[in-house]
Each structure stands twice: as C-alpha cells, then as structure tokens.
PDB file of all heavy atoms in Angstrom:
ATOM      1  N   SER A   1       0.820  -1.201   0.000  1.00  0.00           N
ATOM      2  CA  SER A   1       0.000   0.000   0.000  1.00  0.00           C
ATOM      3  C   SER A   1       0.859   1.258   0.000  1.00  0.00           C
ATOM      4  O   SER A   1       0.578   2.218  -0.736  1.00  0.00           O
ATOM      5  CB  SER A   1      -0.927  -0.004   1.220  1.00  0.00           C
ATOM      6  OG  SER A   1      -1.678   1.195   1.288  1.00  0.00           O
ATOM      7  N   GLU A   2       1.906   1.262   0.805  1.00  0.00           N
ATOM      8  CA  GLU A   2       2.771   2.436   0.900  1.00  0.00           C
ATOM      9  C   GLU A   2       3.540   2.664  -0.399  1.00  0.00           C
ATOM     10  O   GLU A   2       3.620   3.788  -0.910  1.00  0.00           O
ATOM     11  CB  GLU A   2       3.733   2.272   2.070  1.00  0.00           C
ATOM     12  CG  GLU A   2       4.801   3.353   2.192  1.00  0.00           C
ATOM     13  CD  GLU A   2       4.233   4.737   2.470  1.00  0.00           C
ATOM     14  OE1 GLU A   2       3.133   4.822   3.057  1.00  0.00           O
ATOM     15  OE2 GLU A   2       4.890   5.727   2.096  1.00  0.00           O
ATOM     16  N   ILE A   3       4.107   1.594  -0.959  1.00  0.00           N
ATOM     17  CA  ILE A   3       4.909   1.745  -2.175  1.00  0.00           C
ATOM     18  C   ILE A   3       4.019   2.134  -3.360  1.00  0.00           C
ATOM     19  O   ILE A   3       4.404   2.950  -4.203  1.00  0.00           O
ATOM     20  CB  ILE A   3       5.678   0.449  -2.471  1.00  0.00           C
ATOM     21  CG1 ILE A   3       6.726   0.212  -1.380  1.00  0.00           C
ATOM     22  CG2 ILE A   3       6.348   0.510  -3.840  1.00  0.00           C
ATOM     23  CD1 ILE A   3       7.509  -1.086  -1.532  1.00  0.00           C
ATOM     24  N   ALA A   4       2.821   1.554  -3.432  1.00  0.00           N
ATOM     25  CA  ALA A   4       1.923   1.844  -4.550  1.00  0.00           C
ATOM     26  C   ALA A   4       1.517   3.315  -4.601  1.00  0.00           C
ATOM     27  O   ALA A   4       1.140   3.829  -5.662  1.00  0.00           O
ATOM     28  CB  ALA A   4       0.680   0.968  -4.461  1.00  0.00           C
ATOM     29  N   SER A   5       1.611   4.012  -3.479  1.00  0.00           N
ATOM     30  CA  SER A   5       1.211   5.427  -3.437  1.00  0.00           C
ATOM     31  C   SER A   5       2.316   6.364  -3.896  1.00  0.00           C
ATOM     32  O   SER A   5       2.072   7.571  -4.051  1.00  0.00           O
ATOM     33  CB  SER A   5       0.796   5.798  -2.008  1.00  0.00           C
ATOM     34  OG  SER A   5       1.922   5.792  -1.132  1.00  0.00           O
ATOM     35  N   ARG A   6       3.518   5.828  -4.128  1.00  0.00           N
ATOM     36  CA  ARG A   6       4.645   6.692  -4.487  1.00  0.00           C
ATOM     37  C   ARG A   6       4.551   7.147  -5.946  1.00  0.00           C
ATOM     38  O   ARG A   6       4.184   6.377  -6.839  1.00  0.00           O
ATOM     39  CB  ARG A   6       5.967   5.963  -4.261  1.00  0.00           C
ATOM     40  CG  ARG A   6       6.225   5.556  -2.819  1.00  0.00           C
ATOM     41  CD  ARG A   6       6.320   6.773  -1.894  1.00  0.00           C
ATOM     42  NE  ARG A   6       6.509   6.390  -0.498  1.00  0.00           N
ATOM     43  CZ  ARG A   6       7.690   6.287   0.100  1.00  0.00           C
ATOM     44  NH1 ARG A   6       8.802   6.533  -0.595  1.00  0.00           N
ATOM     45  NH2 ARG A   6       7.764   5.955   1.372  1.00  0.00           N
ATOM     46  N   LYS A   7       4.937   8.401  -6.182  1.00  0.00           N
ATOM     47  CA  LYS A   7       4.996   8.934  -7.537  1.00  0.00           C
ATOM     48  C   LYS A   7       6.333   8.593  -8.172  1.00  0.00           C
ATOM     49  O   LYS A   7       7.347   8.461  -7.484  1.00  0.00           O
ATOM     50  CB  LYS A   7       4.784  10.449  -7.512  1.00  0.00           C
ATOM     51  CG  LYS A   7       3.398  10.870  -7.038  1.00  0.00           C
ATOM     52  CD  LYS A   7       3.245  12.387  -7.083  1.00  0.00           C
ATOM     53  CE  LYS A   7       1.837  12.799  -6.645  1.00  0.00           C
ATOM     54  NZ  LYS A   7       1.666  14.278  -6.687  1.00  0.00           N
ATOM     55  N   LEU A   8       6.324   8.454  -9.490  1.00  0.00           N
ATOM     56  CA  LEU A   8       7.529   8.064 -10.218  1.00  0.00           C
ATOM     57  C   LEU A   8       8.007   9.203 -11.117  1.00  0.00           C
ATOM     58  O   LEU A   8       8.485   8.965 -12.227  1.00  0.00           O
ATOM     59  CB  LEU A   8       7.254   6.808 -11.051  1.00  0.00           C
ATOM     60  CG  LEU A   8       6.716   5.591 -10.290  1.00  0.00           C
ATOM     61  CD1 LEU A   8       6.463   4.433 -11.236  1.00  0.00           C
ATOM     62  CD2 LEU A   8       7.678   5.180  -9.173  1.00  0.00           C
ATOM     63  N   ASP A   9       7.916  10.435 -10.610  1.00  0.00           N
ATOM     64  CA  ASP A   9       8.285  11.564 -11.448  1.00  0.00           C
ATOM     65  C   ASP A   9       9.725  12.026 -11.239  1.00  0.00           C
ATOM     66  O   ASP A   9      10.230  12.853 -12.001  1.00  0.00           O
ATOM     67  CB  ASP A   9       7.340  12.745 -11.200  1.00  0.00           C
ATOM     68  CG  ASP A   9       7.187  13.065  -9.714  1.00  0.00           C
ATOM     69  OD1 ASP A   9       7.860  12.404  -8.897  1.00  0.00           O
ATOM     70  OD2 ASP A   9       6.392  13.962  -9.384  1.00  0.00           O
ATOM     71  N   ALA A  10      10.406  11.491 -10.218  1.00  0.00           N
ATOM     72  CA  ALA A  10      11.802  11.886  -9.995  1.00  0.00           C
ATOM     73  C   ALA A  10      12.711  11.146 -10.964  1.00  0.00           C
ATOM     74  O   ALA A  10      12.462   9.994 -11.311  1.00  0.00           O
ATOM     75  CB  ALA A  10      12.217  11.580  -8.560  1.00  0.00           C
ATOM     76  N   ARG A  11      13.748  11.798 -11.411  1.00  0.00           N
ATOM     77  CA  ARG A  11      14.717  11.179 -12.312  1.00  0.00           C
ATOM     78  C   ARG A  11      16.121  11.408 -11.771  1.00  0.00           C
ATOM     79  O   ARG A  11      16.454  12.514 -11.319  1.00  0.00           O
ATOM     80  CB  ARG A  11      14.614  11.761 -13.736  1.00  0.00           C
ATOM     81  CG  ARG A  11      13.340  11.318 -14.471  1.00  0.00           C
ATOM     82  CD  ARG A  11      13.372   9.821 -14.751  1.00  0.00           C
ATOM     83  NE  ARG A  11      12.172   9.331 -15.417  1.00  0.00           N
ATOM     84  CZ  ARG A  11      11.167   8.741 -14.820  1.00  0.00           C
ATOM     85  NH1 ARG A  11      11.179   8.607 -13.505  1.00  0.00           N
ATOM     86  NH2 ARG A  11      10.128   8.303 -15.503  1.00  0.00           N
ATOM     87  N   THR A  12      16.941  10.355 -11.771  1.00  0.00           N
ATOM     88  CA  THR A  12      18.299  10.464 -11.264  1.00  0.00           C
ATOM     89  C   THR A  12      19.186  11.187 -12.276  1.00  0.00           C
ATOM     90  O   THR A  12      19.008  11.059 -13.491  1.00  0.00           O
ATOM     91  CB  THR A  12      18.889   9.064 -10.985  1.00  0.00           C
ATOM     92  OG1 THR A  12      18.803   8.286 -12.178  1.00  0.00           O
ATOM     93  CG2 THR A  12      18.112   8.371  -9.886  1.00  0.00           C
ATOM     94  N   GLU A  13      20.132  11.945 -11.744  1.00  0.00           N
ATOM     95  CA  GLU A  13      21.045  12.685 -12.599  1.00  0.00           C
ATOM     96  C   GLU A  13      22.353  11.914 -12.756  1.00  0.00           C
ATOM     97  O   GLU A  13      22.826  11.262 -11.834  1.00  0.00           O
ATOM     98  CB  GLU A  13      21.321  14.068 -12.002  1.00  0.00           C
ATOM     99  CG  GLU A  13      20.096  14.957 -11.930  1.00  0.00           C
ATOM    100  CD  GLU A  13      20.428  16.347 -11.398  1.00  0.00           C
ATOM    101  OE1 GLU A  13      21.636  16.593 -11.129  1.00  0.00           O
ATOM    102  OE2 GLU A  13      19.515  17.161 -11.265  1.00  0.00           O
ATOM    103  N   ARG A  14      22.954  12.042 -13.952  1.00  0.00           N
ATOM    104  CA  ARG A  14      24.235  11.375 -14.203  1.00  0.00           C
ATOM    105  C   ARG A  14      25.344  12.117 -13.470  1.00  0.00           C
ATOM    106  O   ARG A  14      25.332  13.330 -13.318  1.00  0.00           O
ATOM    107  CB  ARG A  14      24.525  11.336 -15.699  1.00  0.00           C
ATOM    108  CG  ARG A  14      23.508  10.551 -16.503  1.00  0.00           C
ATOM    109  CD  ARG A  14      23.854  10.573 -17.969  1.00  0.00           C
ATOM    110  NE  ARG A  14      25.001   9.735 -18.267  1.00  0.00           N
ATOM    111  CZ  ARG A  14      25.644   9.767 -19.425  1.00  0.00           C
ATOM    112  NH1 ARG A  14      25.304  10.636 -20.348  1.00  0.00           N
ATOM    113  NH2 ARG A  14      26.653   8.958 -19.640  1.00  0.00           N
ATOM    114  N   SER A  15      26.337  11.358 -13.053  1.00  0.00           N
ATOM    115  CA  SER A  15      27.466  11.928 -12.336  1.00  0.00           C
ATOM    116  C   SER A  15      28.426  12.616 -13.302  1.00  0.00           C
ATOM    117  O   SER A  15      28.451  12.330 -14.509  1.00  0.00           O
ATOM    118  CB  SER A  15      28.188  10.816 -11.579  1.00  0.00           C
ATOM    119  OG  SER A  15      29.422  11.250 -11.068  1.00  0.00           O
ATOM    120  N   ASP A  16      29.237  13.523 -12.745  1.00  0.00           N
ATOM    121  CA  ASP A  16      30.310  14.137 -13.532  1.00  0.00           C
ATOM    122  C   ASP A  16      31.517  13.206 -13.652  1.00  0.00           C
ATOM    123  O   ASP A  16      32.436  13.470 -14.433  1.00  0.00           O
ATOM    124  CB  ASP A  16      30.755  15.453 -12.885  1.00  0.00           C
ATOM    125  CG  ASP A  16      29.679  16.524 -12.949  1.00  0.00           C
ATOM    126  OD1 ASP A  16      28.860  16.458 -13.887  1.00  0.00           O
ATOM    127  OD2 ASP A  16      29.652  17.407 -12.066  1.00  0.00           O
ATOM    128  N   VAL A  17      31.530  12.130 -12.868  1.00  0.00           N
ATOM    129  CA  VAL A  17      32.683  11.221 -12.867  1.00  0.00           C
ATOM    130  C   VAL A  17      32.652  10.337 -14.120  1.00  0.00           C
ATOM    131  O   VAL A  17      31.634   9.687 -14.408  1.00  0.00           O
ATOM    132  CB  VAL A  17      32.685  10.334 -11.602  1.00  0.00           C
ATOM    133  CG1 VAL A  17      33.841   9.344 -11.639  1.00  0.00           C
ATOM    134  CG2 VAL A  17      32.740  11.196 -10.348  1.00  0.00           C
ATOM    135  N   LEU A  18      33.753  10.298 -14.840  1.00  0.00           N
ATOM    136  CA  LEU A  18      33.911   9.417 -16.003  1.00  0.00           C
ATOM    137  C   LEU A  18      35.031   8.432 -15.719  1.00  0.00           C
ATOM    138  O   LEU A  18      36.159   8.828 -15.427  1.00  0.00           O
ATOM    139  CB  LEU A  18      34.232  10.229 -17.260  1.00  0.00           C
ATOM    140  CG  LEU A  18      34.557   9.405 -18.516  1.00  0.00           C
ATOM    141  CD1 LEU A  18      33.346   8.590 -18.958  1.00  0.00           C
ATOM    142  CD2 LEU A  18      35.041  10.306 -19.650  1.00  0.00           C
ATOM    143  N   VAL A  19      34.731   7.140 -15.797  1.00  0.00           N
ATOM    144  CA  VAL A  19      35.720   6.081 -15.573  1.00  0.00           C
ATOM    145  C   VAL A  19      36.052   5.451 -16.920  1.00  0.00           C
ATOM    146  O   VAL A  19      35.155   4.967 -17.620  1.00  0.00           O
ATOM    147  CB  VAL A  19      35.177   5.010 -14.606  1.00  0.00           C
ATOM    148  CG1 VAL A  19      36.200   3.901 -14.404  1.00  0.00           C
ATOM    149  CG2 VAL A  19      34.796   5.639 -13.268  1.00  0.00           C
ATOM    150  N   GLU A  20      37.328   5.449 -17.281  1.00  0.00           N
ATOM    151  CA  GLU A  20      37.773   4.792 -18.513  1.00  0.00           C
ATOM    152  C   GLU A  20      38.377   3.434 -18.169  1.00  0.00           C
ATOM    153  O   GLU A  20      39.212   3.331 -17.271  1.00  0.00           O
ATOM    154  CB  GLU A  20      38.779   5.664 -19.256  1.00  0.00           C
ATOM    155  CG  GLU A  20      38.168   6.937 -19.827  1.00  0.00           C
ATOM    156  CD  GLU A  20      39.098   7.626 -20.807  1.00  0.00           C
ATOM    157  OE1 GLU A  20      40.308   7.325 -20.811  1.00  0.00           O
ATOM    158  OE2 GLU A  20      38.601   8.467 -21.584  1.00  0.00           O
ATOM    159  N   ILE A  21      37.937   2.405 -18.898  1.00  0.00           N
ATOM    160  CA  ILE A  21      38.362   1.029 -18.614  1.00  0.00           C
ATOM    161  C   ILE A  21      39.029   0.446 -19.856  1.00  0.00           C
ATOM    162  O   ILE A  21      38.348   0.170 -20.855  1.00  0.00           O
ATOM    163  CB  ILE A  21      37.159   0.156 -18.197  1.00  0.00           C
ATOM    164  CG1 ILE A  21      36.470   0.747 -16.957  1.00  0.00           C
ATOM    165  CG2 ILE A  21      37.598  -1.276 -17.938  1.00  0.00           C
ATOM    166  CD1 ILE A  21      35.215   0.012 -16.541  1.00  0.00           C
ATOM    167  N   PRO A  22      40.357   0.230 -19.840  1.00  0.00           N
ATOM    168  CA  PRO A  22      41.029  -0.428 -20.970  1.00  0.00           C
ATOM    169  C   PRO A  22      40.636  -1.911 -21.033  1.00  0.00           C
ATOM    170  O   PRO A  22      40.577  -2.593 -20.001  1.00  0.00           O
ATOM    171  CB  PRO A  22      42.518  -0.267 -20.640  1.00  0.00           C
ATOM    172  CG  PRO A  22      42.584   0.754 -19.551  1.00  0.00           C
ATOM    173  CD  PRO A  22      41.311   0.657 -18.801  1.00  0.00           C
ATOM    174  N   VAL A  23      40.372  -2.404 -22.227  1.00  0.00           N
ATOM    175  CA  VAL A  23      39.900  -3.780 -22.413  1.00  0.00           C
ATOM    176  C   VAL A  23      40.719  -4.477 -23.487  1.00  0.00           C
ATOM    177  O   VAL A  23      40.971  -3.908 -24.559  1.00  0.00           O
ATOM    178  CB  VAL A  23      38.410  -3.805 -22.827  1.00  0.00           C
ATOM    179  CG1 VAL A  23      37.929  -5.241 -23.028  1.00  0.00           C
ATOM    180  CG2 VAL A  23      37.551  -3.093 -21.788  1.00  0.00           C
ATOM    181  N   HIS A  24      41.149  -5.696 -23.187  1.00  0.00           N
ATOM    182  CA  HIS A  24      41.719  -6.578 -24.203  1.00  0.00           C
ATOM    183  C   HIS A  24      40.556  -7.398 -24.771  1.00  0.00           C
ATOM    184  O   HIS A  24      39.995  -8.253 -24.074  1.00  0.00           O
ATOM    185  CB  HIS A  24      42.784  -7.504 -23.593  1.00  0.00           C
ATOM    186  CG  HIS A  24      43.947  -6.765 -22.980  1.00  0.00           C
ATOM    187  ND1 HIS A  24      44.997  -6.291 -23.721  1.00  0.00           N
ATOM    188  CD2 HIS A  24      44.196  -6.412 -21.688  1.00  0.00           C
ATOM    189  CE1 HIS A  24      45.858  -5.686 -22.931  1.00  0.00           C
ATOM    190  NE2 HIS A  24      45.400  -5.742 -21.685  1.00  0.00           N
ATOM    191  N   TYR A  25      40.199  -7.146 -26.005  1.00  0.00           N
ATOM    192  CA  TYR A  25      39.015  -7.791 -26.599  1.00  0.00           C
ATOM    193  C   TYR A  25      39.389  -9.166 -27.161  1.00  0.00           C
ATOM    194  O   TYR A  25      39.589  -9.354 -28.352  1.00  0.00           O
ATOM    195  CB  TYR A  25      38.405  -6.892 -27.665  1.00  0.00           C
ATOM    196  CG  TYR A  25      37.634  -5.737 -27.069  1.00  0.00           C
ATOM    197  CD1 TYR A  25      38.229  -4.489 -26.890  1.00  0.00           C
ATOM    198  CD2 TYR A  25      36.319  -5.901 -26.635  1.00  0.00           C
ATOM    199  CE1 TYR A  25      37.529  -3.430 -26.324  1.00  0.00           C
ATOM    200  CE2 TYR A  25      35.608  -4.850 -26.058  1.00  0.00           C
ATOM    201  CZ  TYR A  25      36.213  -3.621 -25.910  1.00  0.00           C
ATOM    202  OH  TYR A  25      35.523  -2.575 -25.342  1.00  0.00           O
ATOM    203  N   ASN A  26      39.478 -10.145 -26.238  1.00  0.00           N
ATOM    204  CA  ASN A  26      39.841 -11.514 -26.590  1.00  0.00           C
ATOM    205  C   ASN A  26      38.928 -12.518 -25.885  1.00  0.00           C
ATOM    206  O   ASN A  26      39.331 -13.640 -25.596  1.00  0.00           O
ATOM    207  CB  ASN A  26      41.300 -11.790 -26.222  1.00  0.00           C
ATOM    208  CG  ASN A  26      41.591 -11.491 -24.739  1.00  0.00           C
ATOM    209  OD1 ASN A  26      40.683 -11.142 -23.984  1.00  0.00           O
ATOM    210  ND2 ASN A  26      42.843 -11.630 -24.333  1.00  0.00           N
ATOM    211  N   GLY A  27      37.693 -12.110 -25.582  1.00  0.00           N
ATOM    212  CA  GLY A  27      36.791 -12.958 -24.816  1.00  0.00           C
ATOM    213  C   GLY A  27      36.367 -14.212 -25.555  1.00  0.00           C
ATOM    214  O   GLY A  27      36.298 -14.251 -26.789  1.00  0.00           O
TER     215      GLY A  27
END
C-alpha cells in the first residue's frame, strides 16, 4: 500500500565522474 502510493516523477542525474576502462578484446 505504501509503495503503490509513491509517484515516479523523480529522475536520477548522471554523475560528472567518467571512468575509462582499458579492455583486451579476446573474450
């Protein structure tokens, strides 16, 4: 009952942090 009453209008913002990941493409 409590969760069903919640509104879904909030949106999360992306962080300013950028992580670069080097990959060896040999999977």
